[in-house]
Amino acid sequence: MIQVLVCDDHQIVRQGIKQMLADAADIALAGEADCGPEALRQVRASRTPGSAIAPIDVVLMDIAMPQRDGLDVLRQLKTEFPKLPVLMLSTYPDKQYAVRSLKLGAAGYLNKSADSEQMIAAIRQVAVGRLFITPAVAEQLAATIRPGVAPEQPLHERLSHREWQVFRMLSQGSSVGEIAESLSLSSNTVSTYRARILEKTGARNDVELALYAVRADLTSV
């Protein structure tokens, strides 16, 4: 049996995924979590030597969550459990997060609109150590590694993961103090990230940063 942990902050989404998984005889629900820290706790508990809990084989991880976003939790999981497959789930368009997720170690990226057959197939695929990549995501990956070609990279793609988090919040109107509290960082650290973001995107202030996000179609991120 493939033991799956479902992590999403919306109960109705978790319920829908559980119903999908119930159709597969070789997949079992190991647990569910409504935030990143709870997902980390359950994975650690299942992987503790001598634990009575069955080890979690695959994690289904939402990207947009409170406390710690899915990409942050993904990085932590891959640091502690490098071989644990994490399948990222999102309502965002593939172009926003798919390649970024894979670069951080995700075993695959799946939109929440996927049907049960595709989700079950993805779980089975990553459970045996393979990547799950849709044709659309494969095309994006190919564009980044074409030999002899240096594709024009969007300015925001140059941002590190933490810079991306700060950029997203700045473009949505959050203050440095609010970002610091949300990401558990000091205001000075956030200000440093902000300066790097402005430099990399060519924006001169937060207003231009918000305009950049609109022009790059990143306002829904």
N, C-alpha and C. Protein backbone atom coordinates (compact mmCIF):
# COMPACT_ATOMS: atom_id res chain seq x y z
N MET A 1 0.83 -1.21 0.00
CA MET A 1 0.00 0.00 0.00
C MET A 1 0.87 1.26 0.00
N ILE A 2 0.48 2.23 -0.79
CA ILE A 2 1.17 3.52 -0.82
C ILE A 2 0.51 4.43 0.21
N GLN A 3 1.27 4.78 1.26
CA GLN A 3 0.74 5.60 2.33
C GLN A 3 0.89 7.08 1.96
N VAL A 4 -0.22 7.81 1.87
CA VAL A 4 -0.21 9.19 1.39
C VAL A 4 -0.66 10.16 2.47
N LEU A 5 0.10 11.24 2.62
CA LEU A 5 -0.28 12.33 3.51
C LEU A 5 -0.80 13.48 2.66
N VAL A 6 -1.98 13.98 2.98
CA VAL A 6 -2.59 15.09 2.24
C VAL A 6 -2.48 16.36 3.07
N CYS A 7 -1.83 17.37 2.52
CA CYS A 7 -1.65 18.63 3.24
C CYS A 7 -2.28 19.78 2.45
N ASP A 8 -3.35 20.33 2.98
CA ASP A 8 -4.05 21.46 2.36
C ASP A 8 -4.83 22.15 3.47
N ASP A 9 -4.86 23.47 3.46
CA ASP A 9 -5.52 24.19 4.55
C ASP A 9 -7.04 24.27 4.38
N HIS A 10 -7.56 23.78 3.26
CA HIS A 10 -9.01 23.79 3.04
C HIS A 10 -9.58 22.38 3.22
N GLN A 11 -10.47 22.24 4.18
CA GLN A 11 -11.04 20.93 4.48
C GLN A 11 -11.78 20.33 3.30
N ILE A 12 -12.47 21.18 2.55
CA ILE A 12 -13.24 20.66 1.42
C ILE A 12 -12.32 20.09 0.34
N VAL A 13 -11.13 20.68 0.19
CA VAL A 13 -10.16 20.16 -0.78
C VAL A 13 -9.62 18.81 -0.29
N ARG A 14 -9.28 18.75 1.00
CA ARG A 14 -8.78 17.48 1.55
C ARG A 14 -9.83 16.38 1.40
N GLN A 15 -11.09 16.73 1.63
CA GLN A 15 -12.16 15.75 1.51
C GLN A 15 -12.27 15.25 0.08
N GLY A 16 -12.15 16.16 -0.89
CA GLY A 16 -12.23 15.76 -2.28
C GLY A 16 -11.09 14.83 -2.68
N ILE A 17 -9.88 15.16 -2.20
CA ILE A 17 -8.73 14.31 -2.52
C ILE A 17 -8.89 12.94 -1.88
N LYS A 18 -9.39 12.91 -0.65
CA LYS A 18 -9.59 11.62 0.03
C LYS A 18 -10.57 10.74 -0.74
N GLN A 19 -11.60 11.35 -1.29
CA GLN A 19 -12.57 10.58 -2.08
C GLN A 19 -11.92 10.01 -3.34
N MET A 20 -11.03 10.81 -3.94
CA MET A 20 -10.30 10.32 -5.12
C MET A 20 -9.43 9.12 -4.75
N LEU A 21 -8.71 9.23 -3.62
CA LEU A 21 -7.80 8.17 -3.22
C LEU A 21 -8.55 6.90 -2.84
N ALA A 22 -9.78 7.04 -2.37
CA ALA A 22 -10.55 5.88 -1.95
C ALA A 22 -10.84 4.94 -3.11
N ASP A 23 -10.73 5.44 -4.34
CA ASP A 23 -11.00 4.62 -5.52
C ASP A 23 -9.83 3.70 -5.88
N ALA A 24 -8.67 3.94 -5.26
CA ALA A 24 -7.49 3.15 -5.60
C ALA A 24 -7.21 2.11 -4.51
N ALA A 25 -7.21 0.86 -4.89
CA ALA A 25 -7.03 -0.22 -3.91
C ALA A 25 -5.62 -0.27 -3.34
N ASP A 26 -4.64 0.32 -4.07
CA ASP A 26 -3.25 0.24 -3.63
C ASP A 26 -2.77 1.51 -2.93
N ILE A 27 -3.70 2.44 -2.64
CA ILE A 27 -3.35 3.71 -1.99
C ILE A 27 -4.15 3.87 -0.71
N ALA A 28 -3.47 4.24 0.36
CA ALA A 28 -4.13 4.44 1.64
C ALA A 28 -3.83 5.84 2.17
N LEU A 29 -4.79 6.42 2.87
CA LEU A 29 -4.61 7.74 3.48
C LEU A 29 -3.86 7.57 4.79
N ALA A 30 -2.61 8.07 4.82
CA ALA A 30 -1.81 7.97 6.04
C ALA A 30 -2.18 9.05 7.04
N GLY A 31 -2.70 10.16 6.55
CA GLY A 31 -3.07 11.26 7.42
C GLY A 31 -3.37 12.50 6.61
N GLU A 32 -3.81 13.54 7.29
CA GLU A 32 -4.08 14.82 6.64
C GLU A 32 -3.61 15.94 7.55
N ALA A 33 -3.19 17.04 6.94
CA ALA A 33 -2.68 18.19 7.68
C ALA A 33 -3.23 19.46 7.07
N ASP A 34 -3.50 20.46 7.92
CA ASP A 34 -4.04 21.73 7.42
C ASP A 34 -3.00 22.84 7.37
N CYS A 35 -1.74 22.48 7.67
CA CYS A 35 -0.66 23.47 7.60
C CYS A 35 0.67 22.74 7.47
N GLY A 36 1.70 23.49 7.06
CA GLY A 36 3.02 22.89 6.86
C GLY A 36 3.63 22.28 8.11
N PRO A 37 3.63 22.99 9.24
CA PRO A 37 4.21 22.41 10.45
C PRO A 37 3.58 21.10 10.86
N GLU A 38 2.26 20.97 10.66
CA GLU A 38 1.60 19.72 11.01
C GLU A 38 2.02 18.60 10.05
N ALA A 39 2.20 18.94 8.79
CA ALA A 39 2.69 17.94 7.83
C ALA A 39 4.08 17.46 8.21
N LEU A 40 4.95 18.39 8.58
CA LEU A 40 6.30 18.02 9.01
C LEU A 40 6.24 17.11 10.24
N ARG A 41 5.38 17.46 11.18
CA ARG A 41 5.27 16.65 12.40
C ARG A 41 4.86 15.22 12.08
N GLN A 42 3.88 15.07 11.19
CA GLN A 42 3.39 13.73 10.87
C GLN A 42 4.43 12.92 10.10
N VAL A 43 5.13 13.55 9.17
CA VAL A 43 6.17 12.83 8.43
C VAL A 43 7.27 12.37 9.38
N ARG A 44 7.72 13.27 10.25
CA ARG A 44 8.77 12.92 11.20
C ARG A 44 8.34 11.77 12.11
N ALA A 45 7.08 11.82 12.58
CA ALA A 45 6.57 10.77 13.46
C ALA A 45 6.54 9.43 12.75
N SER A 46 6.14 9.45 11.47
CA SER A 46 6.03 8.19 10.72
C SER A 46 7.40 7.62 10.37
N ARG A 47 8.42 8.48 10.34
CA ARG A 47 9.76 8.03 9.95
C ARG A 47 10.66 7.80 11.18
N THR A 48 10.13 7.94 12.38
CA THR A 48 10.92 7.70 13.59
C THR A 48 11.13 6.20 13.78
N PRO A 49 12.37 5.76 13.98
CA PRO A 49 12.63 4.34 14.19
C PRO A 49 11.79 3.78 15.34
N GLY A 50 11.15 2.65 15.09
CA GLY A 50 10.34 2.01 16.11
C GLY A 50 8.93 2.55 16.21
N SER A 51 8.58 3.51 15.33
CA SER A 51 7.24 4.09 15.37
C SER A 51 6.20 3.06 14.95
N ALA A 52 5.05 3.10 15.61
CA ALA A 52 3.96 2.19 15.27
C ALA A 52 3.19 2.68 14.05
N ILE A 53 3.50 3.90 13.63
CA ILE A 53 2.82 4.49 12.47
C ILE A 53 3.51 4.05 11.18
N ALA A 54 2.72 3.68 10.19
CA ALA A 54 3.28 3.28 8.90
C ALA A 54 4.00 4.46 8.26
N PRO A 55 5.22 4.25 7.74
CA PRO A 55 5.95 5.36 7.10
C PRO A 55 5.17 5.97 5.94
N ILE A 56 5.16 7.29 5.89
CA ILE A 56 4.49 7.98 4.79
C ILE A 56 5.34 7.84 3.53
N ASP A 57 4.71 7.42 2.44
CA ASP A 57 5.43 7.16 1.19
C ASP A 57 5.39 8.34 0.23
N VAL A 58 4.29 9.10 0.24
CA VAL A 58 4.12 10.24 -0.67
C VAL A 58 3.39 11.35 0.07
N VAL A 59 3.84 12.57 -0.16
CA VAL A 59 3.16 13.74 0.42
C VAL A 59 2.53 14.55 -0.71
N LEU A 60 1.23 14.83 -0.58
CA LEU A 60 0.54 15.75 -1.49
C LEU A 60 0.51 17.10 -0.78
N MET A 61 1.20 18.09 -1.35
CA MET A 61 1.42 19.36 -0.65
C MET A 61 0.86 20.54 -1.43
N ASP A 62 -0.08 21.26 -0.80
CA ASP A 62 -0.59 22.49 -1.39
C ASP A 62 0.50 23.56 -1.32
N ILE A 63 0.51 24.48 -2.26
CA ILE A 63 1.52 25.55 -2.26
C ILE A 63 1.11 26.71 -1.36
N ALA A 64 -0.13 27.17 -1.50
CA ALA A 64 -0.57 28.34 -0.74
C ALA A 64 -1.18 27.92 0.59
N MET A 65 -0.40 28.06 1.66
CA MET A 65 -0.88 27.69 2.99
C MET A 65 -0.43 28.72 4.02
N PRO A 66 -1.14 28.78 5.16
CA PRO A 66 -0.73 29.71 6.21
C PRO A 66 0.51 29.20 6.94
N GLN A 67 1.14 30.07 7.70
CA GLN A 67 2.32 29.77 8.51
C GLN A 67 3.56 29.56 7.65
N ARG A 68 3.61 28.47 6.92
CA ARG A 68 4.72 28.22 5.99
C ARG A 68 4.14 27.75 4.67
N ASP A 69 4.53 28.40 3.56
CA ASP A 69 3.95 27.98 2.29
C ASP A 69 4.52 26.62 1.87
N GLY A 70 3.85 26.02 0.90
CA GLY A 70 4.20 24.67 0.49
C GLY A 70 5.63 24.51 0.01
N LEU A 71 6.16 25.52 -0.68
CA LEU A 71 7.53 25.43 -1.17
C LEU A 71 8.54 25.46 -0.02
N ASP A 72 8.22 26.21 1.02
CA ASP A 72 9.07 26.25 2.19
C ASP A 72 9.10 24.88 2.87
N VAL A 73 7.92 24.27 3.00
CA VAL A 73 7.82 22.95 3.62
C VAL A 73 8.49 21.90 2.73
N LEU A 74 8.35 22.05 1.43
CA LEU A 74 9.03 21.14 0.49
C LEU A 74 10.53 21.15 0.73
N ARG A 75 11.11 22.33 0.82
CA ARG A 75 12.56 22.43 1.05
C ARG A 75 12.95 21.74 2.35
N GLN A 76 12.14 21.92 3.40
CA GLN A 76 12.46 21.30 4.68
C GLN A 76 12.37 19.78 4.59
N LEU A 77 11.32 19.29 3.93
CA LEU A 77 11.16 17.84 3.78
C LEU A 77 12.31 17.23 2.99
N LYS A 78 12.74 17.90 1.92
CA LYS A 78 13.82 17.35 1.11
C LYS A 78 15.16 17.41 1.85
N THR A 79 15.28 18.34 2.79
CA THR A 79 16.49 18.39 3.60
C THR A 79 16.53 17.22 4.58
N GLU A 80 15.40 16.93 5.20
CA GLU A 80 15.35 15.87 6.21
C GLU A 80 15.14 14.48 5.61
N PHE A 81 14.36 14.43 4.55
CA PHE A 81 14.02 13.14 3.93
C PHE A 81 14.19 13.24 2.41
N PRO A 82 15.42 13.22 1.94
CA PRO A 82 15.71 13.47 0.52
C PRO A 82 14.98 12.55 -0.45
N LYS A 83 14.69 11.32 -0.04
CA LYS A 83 14.08 10.36 -0.94
C LYS A 83 12.56 10.35 -0.87
N LEU A 84 11.98 11.15 0.01
CA LEU A 84 10.52 11.19 0.14
C LEU A 84 9.91 11.96 -1.02
N PRO A 85 9.05 11.33 -1.82
CA PRO A 85 8.43 12.04 -2.95
C PRO A 85 7.37 13.04 -2.45
N VAL A 86 7.48 14.27 -2.93
CA VAL A 86 6.50 15.30 -2.60
C VAL A 86 5.86 15.78 -3.90
N LEU A 87 4.56 15.62 -3.99
CA LEU A 87 3.82 16.03 -5.18
C LEU A 87 3.10 17.33 -4.84
N MET A 88 3.47 18.40 -5.53
CA MET A 88 2.92 19.72 -5.23
C MET A 88 1.55 19.90 -5.92
N LEU A 89 0.62 20.48 -5.18
CA LEU A 89 -0.72 20.75 -5.70
C LEU A 89 -0.96 22.25 -5.70
N SER A 90 -1.65 22.75 -6.71
CA SER A 90 -1.89 24.18 -6.75
C SER A 90 -3.04 24.51 -7.69
N THR A 91 -3.64 25.68 -7.44
CA THR A 91 -4.64 26.21 -8.37
C THR A 91 -3.99 27.19 -9.33
N TYR A 92 -2.69 27.52 -9.09
CA TYR A 92 -1.99 28.47 -9.93
C TYR A 92 -1.64 27.84 -11.28
N PRO A 93 -1.54 28.65 -12.33
CA PRO A 93 -1.12 28.13 -13.63
C PRO A 93 0.26 27.47 -13.53
N ASP A 94 0.48 26.45 -14.35
CA ASP A 94 1.75 25.72 -14.30
C ASP A 94 2.95 26.66 -14.44
N LYS A 95 2.82 27.69 -15.28
CA LYS A 95 3.96 28.56 -15.55
C LYS A 95 4.42 29.32 -14.31
N GLN A 96 3.54 29.45 -13.31
CA GLN A 96 3.90 30.21 -12.12
C GLN A 96 4.81 29.42 -11.19
N TYR A 97 4.52 28.13 -10.99
CA TYR A 97 5.20 27.41 -9.93
C TYR A 97 5.78 26.05 -10.30
N ALA A 98 5.42 25.49 -11.43
CA ALA A 98 5.83 24.13 -11.75
C ALA A 98 7.35 23.95 -11.77
N VAL A 99 8.04 24.73 -12.58
CA VAL A 99 9.50 24.58 -12.69
C VAL A 99 10.17 24.93 -11.37
N ARG A 100 9.68 25.97 -10.70
CA ARG A 100 10.25 26.35 -9.40
C ARG A 100 10.12 25.20 -8.41
N SER A 101 8.97 24.52 -8.40
CA SER A 101 8.77 23.38 -7.50
C SER A 101 9.74 22.25 -7.80
N LEU A 102 9.90 21.94 -9.08
CA LEU A 102 10.80 20.85 -9.46
C LEU A 102 12.24 21.16 -9.11
N LYS A 103 12.64 22.42 -9.26
CA LYS A 103 14.00 22.82 -8.92
C LYS A 103 14.27 22.68 -7.42
N LEU A 104 13.21 22.79 -6.62
CA LEU A 104 13.35 22.65 -5.18
C LEU A 104 13.26 21.20 -4.72
N GLY A 105 13.04 20.29 -5.66
CA GLY A 105 13.06 18.87 -5.31
C GLY A 105 11.73 18.16 -5.35
N ALA A 106 10.68 18.83 -5.82
CA ALA A 106 9.38 18.16 -5.91
C ALA A 106 9.44 17.02 -6.92
N ALA A 107 8.65 15.99 -6.65
CA ALA A 107 8.60 14.84 -7.57
C ALA A 107 7.62 15.09 -8.70
N GLY A 108 6.82 16.16 -8.57
CA GLY A 108 5.87 16.47 -9.61
C GLY A 108 5.02 17.66 -9.21
N TYR A 109 4.26 18.16 -10.16
CA TYR A 109 3.39 19.32 -9.95
C TYR A 109 2.06 19.02 -10.60
N LEU A 110 1.00 19.17 -9.83
CA LEU A 110 -0.32 18.81 -10.33
C LEU A 110 -1.32 19.90 -9.97
N ASN A 111 -2.10 20.32 -10.96
CA ASN A 111 -3.13 21.31 -10.70
C ASN A 111 -4.30 20.64 -9.99
N LYS A 112 -4.93 21.37 -9.09
CA LYS A 112 -6.04 20.80 -8.32
C LYS A 112 -7.24 20.46 -9.19
N SER A 113 -7.26 20.95 -10.40
CA SER A 113 -8.36 20.63 -11.31
C SER A 113 -8.19 19.25 -11.95
N ALA A 114 -7.08 18.57 -11.65
CA ALA A 114 -6.82 17.25 -12.23
C ALA A 114 -7.90 16.27 -11.80
N ASP A 115 -8.22 15.33 -12.70
CA ASP A 115 -9.23 14.33 -12.34
C ASP A 115 -8.59 13.22 -11.51
N SER A 116 -9.41 12.33 -10.99
CA SER A 116 -8.92 11.30 -10.08
C SER A 116 -7.94 10.35 -10.76
N GLU A 117 -8.16 10.06 -12.03
CA GLU A 117 -7.25 9.15 -12.74
C GLU A 117 -5.85 9.73 -12.82
N GLN A 118 -5.76 11.03 -13.13
CA GLN A 118 -4.45 11.65 -13.25
C GLN A 118 -3.76 11.75 -11.88
N MET A 119 -4.52 12.07 -10.84
CA MET A 119 -3.92 12.19 -9.52
C MET A 119 -3.42 10.84 -9.02
N ILE A 120 -4.20 9.80 -9.21
CA ILE A 120 -3.79 8.46 -8.79
C ILE A 120 -2.57 8.00 -9.58
N ALA A 121 -2.57 8.28 -10.88
CA ALA A 121 -1.42 7.91 -11.71
C ALA A 121 -0.17 8.64 -11.25
N ALA A 122 -0.32 9.92 -10.89
CA ALA A 122 0.82 10.71 -10.42
C ALA A 122 1.38 10.14 -9.12
N ILE A 123 0.49 9.78 -8.21
CA ILE A 123 0.93 9.20 -6.92
C ILE A 123 1.68 7.90 -7.14
N ARG A 124 1.15 7.04 -7.97
CA ARG A 124 1.80 5.76 -8.25
C ARG A 124 3.18 5.97 -8.88
N GLN A 125 3.26 6.96 -9.76
CA GLN A 125 4.51 7.22 -10.47
C GLN A 125 5.60 7.73 -9.53
N VAL A 126 5.27 8.71 -8.70
CA VAL A 126 6.29 9.27 -7.81
C VAL A 126 6.64 8.30 -6.68
N ALA A 127 5.70 7.43 -6.33
CA ALA A 127 5.95 6.47 -5.24
C ALA A 127 7.06 5.49 -5.59
N VAL A 128 7.29 5.26 -6.88
CA VAL A 128 8.34 4.33 -7.30
C VAL A 128 9.61 5.07 -7.73
N GLY A 129 9.68 6.35 -7.37
CA GLY A 129 10.90 7.10 -7.62
C GLY A 129 10.99 7.83 -8.94
N ARG A 130 9.89 7.90 -9.67
CA ARG A 130 9.90 8.59 -10.96
C ARG A 130 9.27 9.97 -10.82
N LEU A 131 9.61 10.86 -11.73
CA LEU A 131 9.01 12.19 -11.76
C LEU A 131 7.68 12.14 -12.49
N PHE A 132 6.74 12.97 -12.02
CA PHE A 132 5.49 13.11 -12.75
C PHE A 132 5.49 14.48 -13.39
N ILE A 133 5.55 14.51 -14.71
CA ILE A 133 5.64 15.77 -15.44
C ILE A 133 4.61 15.77 -16.57
N THR A 134 3.72 16.73 -16.55
CA THR A 134 2.72 16.86 -17.61
C THR A 134 3.39 17.41 -18.87
N PRO A 135 2.79 17.24 -20.03
CA PRO A 135 3.38 17.78 -21.26
C PRO A 135 3.64 19.29 -21.18
N ALA A 136 2.74 20.03 -20.54
CA ALA A 136 2.92 21.48 -20.43
C ALA A 136 4.15 21.83 -19.60
N VAL A 137 4.34 21.10 -18.50
CA VAL A 137 5.49 21.35 -17.64
C VAL A 137 6.78 20.89 -18.33
N ALA A 138 6.71 19.79 -19.05
CA ALA A 138 7.87 19.29 -19.78
C ALA A 138 8.35 20.34 -20.79
N GLU A 139 7.41 21.02 -21.42
CA GLU A 139 7.76 22.06 -22.39
C GLU A 139 8.49 23.22 -21.70
N GLN A 140 8.02 23.58 -20.51
CA GLN A 140 8.68 24.65 -19.76
C GLN A 140 10.09 24.25 -19.35
N LEU A 141 10.25 23.01 -18.91
CA LEU A 141 11.57 22.52 -18.52
C LEU A 141 12.51 22.51 -19.72
N ALA A 142 12.00 22.06 -20.85
CA ALA A 142 12.82 22.00 -22.05
C ALA A 142 13.33 23.37 -22.44
N ALA A 143 12.49 24.38 -22.22
CA ALA A 143 12.88 25.75 -22.59
C ALA A 143 14.04 26.26 -21.74
N THR A 144 14.21 25.67 -20.56
CA THR A 144 15.27 26.15 -19.66
C THR A 144 16.59 25.41 -19.87
N ILE A 145 16.56 24.28 -20.61
CA ILE A 145 17.78 23.48 -20.73
C ILE A 145 18.16 23.19 -22.18
N ARG A 146 17.56 23.89 -23.13
CA ARG A 146 17.89 23.63 -24.54
C ARG A 146 19.37 23.88 -24.79
N PRO A 147 20.09 22.87 -25.28
CA PRO A 147 21.53 23.04 -25.52
C PRO A 147 21.81 24.10 -26.57
N GLY A 148 22.77 24.94 -26.27
CA GLY A 148 23.18 25.95 -27.23
C GLY A 148 22.25 27.13 -27.33
N VAL A 149 21.23 27.14 -26.48
CA VAL A 149 20.27 28.22 -26.53
C VAL A 149 20.17 28.86 -25.16
N ALA A 150 20.20 30.15 -25.11
CA ALA A 150 20.05 30.87 -23.85
C ALA A 150 18.72 31.61 -23.89
N PRO A 151 17.66 30.94 -23.47
CA PRO A 151 16.34 31.57 -23.55
C PRO A 151 16.28 32.82 -22.69
N GLU A 152 15.48 33.77 -23.16
CA GLU A 152 15.33 34.99 -22.40
C GLU A 152 14.57 34.68 -21.12
N GLN A 153 15.22 34.88 -20.00
CA GLN A 153 14.63 34.52 -18.71
C GLN A 153 13.89 35.73 -18.12
N PRO A 154 12.62 35.54 -17.73
CA PRO A 154 11.92 36.64 -17.08
C PRO A 154 12.71 37.11 -15.85
N LEU A 155 12.67 38.40 -15.60
CA LEU A 155 13.46 38.94 -14.50
C LEU A 155 13.12 38.30 -13.16
N HIS A 156 11.84 38.00 -12.93
CA HIS A 156 11.46 37.42 -11.64
C HIS A 156 11.96 35.99 -11.46
N GLU A 157 12.33 35.33 -12.56
CA GLU A 157 12.86 33.97 -12.45
C GLU A 157 14.26 33.97 -11.84
N ARG A 158 14.89 35.13 -11.76
CA ARG A 158 16.21 35.22 -11.16
C ARG A 158 16.15 35.26 -9.63
N LEU A 159 14.95 35.39 -9.09
CA LEU A 159 14.79 35.50 -7.64
C LEU A 159 14.98 34.14 -6.97
N SER A 160 15.63 34.18 -5.81
CA SER A 160 15.74 32.97 -5.00
C SER A 160 14.36 32.66 -4.41
N HIS A 161 14.24 31.51 -3.77
CA HIS A 161 12.94 31.15 -3.19
C HIS A 161 12.48 32.17 -2.17
N ARG A 162 13.36 32.59 -1.26
CA ARG A 162 12.97 33.55 -0.23
C ARG A 162 12.67 34.92 -0.85
N GLU A 163 13.46 35.31 -1.84
CA GLU A 163 13.19 36.57 -2.54
C GLU A 163 11.83 36.52 -3.23
N TRP A 164 11.50 35.36 -3.78
CA TRP A 164 10.21 35.18 -4.44
C TRP A 164 9.08 35.36 -3.44
N GLN A 165 9.24 34.80 -2.23
CA GLN A 165 8.21 34.95 -1.20
C GLN A 165 8.00 36.42 -0.85
N VAL A 166 9.11 37.14 -0.65
CA VAL A 166 9.04 38.55 -0.30
C VAL A 166 8.44 39.35 -1.47
N PHE A 167 8.88 39.05 -2.67
CA PHE A 167 8.35 39.72 -3.87
C PHE A 167 6.84 39.56 -3.97
N ARG A 168 6.37 38.35 -3.77
CA ARG A 168 4.94 38.08 -3.86
C ARG A 168 4.15 38.93 -2.87
N MET A 169 4.66 39.03 -1.65
CA MET A 169 3.95 39.78 -0.61
C MET A 169 4.05 41.29 -0.83
N LEU A 170 5.22 41.75 -1.28
CA LEU A 170 5.36 43.17 -1.59
C LEU A 170 4.41 43.60 -2.70
N SER A 171 4.32 42.77 -3.73
CA SER A 171 3.47 43.11 -4.88
C SER A 171 1.99 43.08 -4.52
N GLN A 172 1.67 42.43 -3.39
CA GLN A 172 0.28 42.39 -2.93
C GLN A 172 -0.01 43.49 -1.91
N GLY A 173 1.00 44.34 -1.66
CA GLY A 173 0.78 45.48 -0.79
C GLY A 173 1.18 45.30 0.66
N SER A 174 1.82 44.19 1.01
CA SER A 174 2.25 43.97 2.39
C SER A 174 3.43 44.86 2.73
N SER A 175 3.48 45.32 3.97
CA SER A 175 4.60 46.14 4.43
C SER A 175 5.77 45.26 4.84
N VAL A 176 6.93 45.88 5.00
CA VAL A 176 8.11 45.14 5.44
C VAL A 176 7.85 44.47 6.79
N GLY A 177 7.20 45.19 7.70
CA GLY A 177 6.89 44.64 9.01
C GLY A 177 5.96 43.44 8.93
N GLU A 178 4.95 43.54 8.09
CA GLU A 178 4.00 42.43 7.93
C GLU A 178 4.68 41.20 7.34
N ILE A 179 5.56 41.43 6.38
CA ILE A 179 6.29 40.32 5.76
C ILE A 179 7.22 39.67 6.77
N ALA A 180 7.90 40.49 7.55
CA ALA A 180 8.82 39.97 8.57
C ALA A 180 8.09 39.07 9.55
N GLU A 181 6.90 39.50 9.98
CA GLU A 181 6.12 38.71 10.93
C GLU A 181 5.63 37.41 10.29
N SER A 182 5.17 37.50 9.05
CA SER A 182 4.64 36.32 8.37
C SER A 182 5.70 35.27 8.10
N LEU A 183 6.92 35.72 7.74
CA LEU A 183 7.99 34.78 7.38
C LEU A 183 8.96 34.52 8.53
N SER A 184 8.66 35.09 9.70
CA SER A 184 9.52 34.92 10.88
C SER A 184 10.95 35.40 10.59
N LEU A 185 11.04 36.58 10.00
CA LEU A 185 12.33 37.19 9.70
C LEU A 185 12.40 38.55 10.38
N SER A 186 13.59 39.10 10.48
CA SER A 186 13.72 40.44 11.01
C SER A 186 13.38 41.44 9.90
N SER A 187 12.98 42.66 10.31
CA SER A 187 12.66 43.69 9.32
C SER A 187 13.87 44.05 8.48
N ASN A 188 15.06 44.04 9.10
CA ASN A 188 16.29 44.34 8.36
C ASN A 188 16.55 43.30 7.27
N THR A 189 16.28 42.04 7.60
CA THR A 189 16.48 40.97 6.61
C THR A 189 15.51 41.13 5.44
N VAL A 190 14.26 41.44 5.75
CA VAL A 190 13.26 41.65 4.70
C VAL A 190 13.66 42.84 3.83
N SER A 191 14.16 43.90 4.46
CA SER A 191 14.59 45.08 3.71
C SER A 191 15.74 44.74 2.76
N THR A 192 16.62 43.85 3.22
CA THR A 192 17.73 43.41 2.37
C THR A 192 17.19 42.64 1.16
N TYR A 193 16.24 41.74 1.41
CA TYR A 193 15.62 41.00 0.31
C TYR A 193 14.92 41.95 -0.65
N ARG A 194 14.24 42.95 -0.10
CA ARG A 194 13.52 43.92 -0.93
C ARG A 194 14.50 44.64 -1.86
N ALA A 195 15.65 45.04 -1.33
CA ALA A 195 16.65 45.74 -2.14
C ALA A 195 17.13 44.85 -3.28
N ARG A 196 17.34 43.56 -2.99
CA ARG A 196 17.80 42.62 -4.03
C ARG A 196 16.72 42.44 -5.10
N ILE A 197 15.46 42.39 -4.65
CA ILE A 197 14.35 42.19 -5.58
C ILE A 197 14.22 43.39 -6.52
N LEU A 198 14.33 44.58 -5.97
CA LEU A 198 14.25 45.79 -6.79
C LEU A 198 15.37 45.80 -7.83
N GLU A 199 16.56 45.39 -7.39
CA GLU A 199 17.70 45.37 -8.31
C GLU A 199 17.49 44.35 -9.43
N LYS A 200 17.02 43.16 -9.08
CA LYS A 200 16.87 42.09 -10.07
C LYS A 200 15.73 42.34 -11.04
N THR A 201 14.68 43.01 -10.57
CA THR A 201 13.53 43.25 -11.45
C THR A 201 13.60 44.60 -12.15
N GLY A 202 14.50 45.46 -11.69
CA GLY A 202 14.62 46.78 -12.29
C GLY A 202 13.59 47.78 -11.80
N ALA A 203 12.80 47.38 -10.80
CA ALA A 203 11.81 48.30 -10.24
C ALA A 203 12.50 49.27 -9.29
N ARG A 204 11.95 50.48 -9.19
CA ARG A 204 12.56 51.50 -8.32
C ARG A 204 11.87 51.59 -6.96
N ASN A 205 10.64 51.09 -6.86
CA ASN A 205 9.91 51.16 -5.61
C ASN A 205 8.81 50.09 -5.62
N ASP A 206 8.03 50.05 -4.54
CA ASP A 206 7.01 49.02 -4.41
C ASP A 206 5.89 49.19 -5.43
N VAL A 207 5.60 50.42 -5.82
CA VAL A 207 4.56 50.66 -6.82
C VAL A 207 4.97 50.06 -8.16
N GLU A 208 6.22 50.31 -8.56
CA GLU A 208 6.70 49.73 -9.81
C GLU A 208 6.78 48.21 -9.72
N LEU A 209 7.05 47.71 -8.51
CA LEU A 209 7.10 46.26 -8.31
C LEU A 209 5.71 45.66 -8.53
N ALA A 210 4.69 46.34 -8.01
CA ALA A 210 3.31 45.87 -8.19
C ALA A 210 2.92 45.92 -9.68
N LEU A 211 3.36 46.98 -10.37
CA LEU A 211 3.07 47.09 -11.80
C LEU A 211 3.78 45.98 -12.58
N TYR A 212 5.00 45.66 -12.16
CA TYR A 212 5.74 44.57 -12.80
C TYR A 212 4.95 43.26 -12.65
N ALA A 213 4.43 43.02 -11.45
CA ALA A 213 3.67 41.80 -11.19
C ALA A 213 2.44 41.72 -12.09
N VAL A 214 1.79 42.86 -12.31
CA VAL A 214 0.61 42.89 -13.17
C VAL A 214 0.99 42.59 -14.62
N ARG A 215 2.06 43.25 -15.09
CA ARG A 215 2.48 43.05 -16.49
C ARG A 215 2.96 41.62 -16.75
N ALA A 216 3.56 40.99 -15.71
CA ALA A 216 4.06 39.63 -15.86
C ALA A 216 2.99 38.59 -15.55
N ASP A 217 1.77 39.06 -15.32
CA ASP A 217 0.64 38.17 -15.03
C ASP A 217 0.91 37.33 -13.78
N LEU A 218 1.41 37.99 -12.74
CA LEU A 218 1.73 37.31 -11.49
C LEU A 218 0.82 37.74 -10.35
N THR A 219 -0.22 38.48 -10.67
CA THR A 219 -1.06 39.03 -9.61
C THR A 219 -1.88 37.97 -8.90
N SER A 220 -2.07 36.81 -9.51
CA SER A 220 -2.85 35.75 -8.87
C SER A 220 -1.98 34.83 -8.03
N VAL A 221 -0.66 35.08 -8.02
CA VAL A 221 0.26 34.20 -7.30
C VAL A 221 0.21 34.46 -5.82
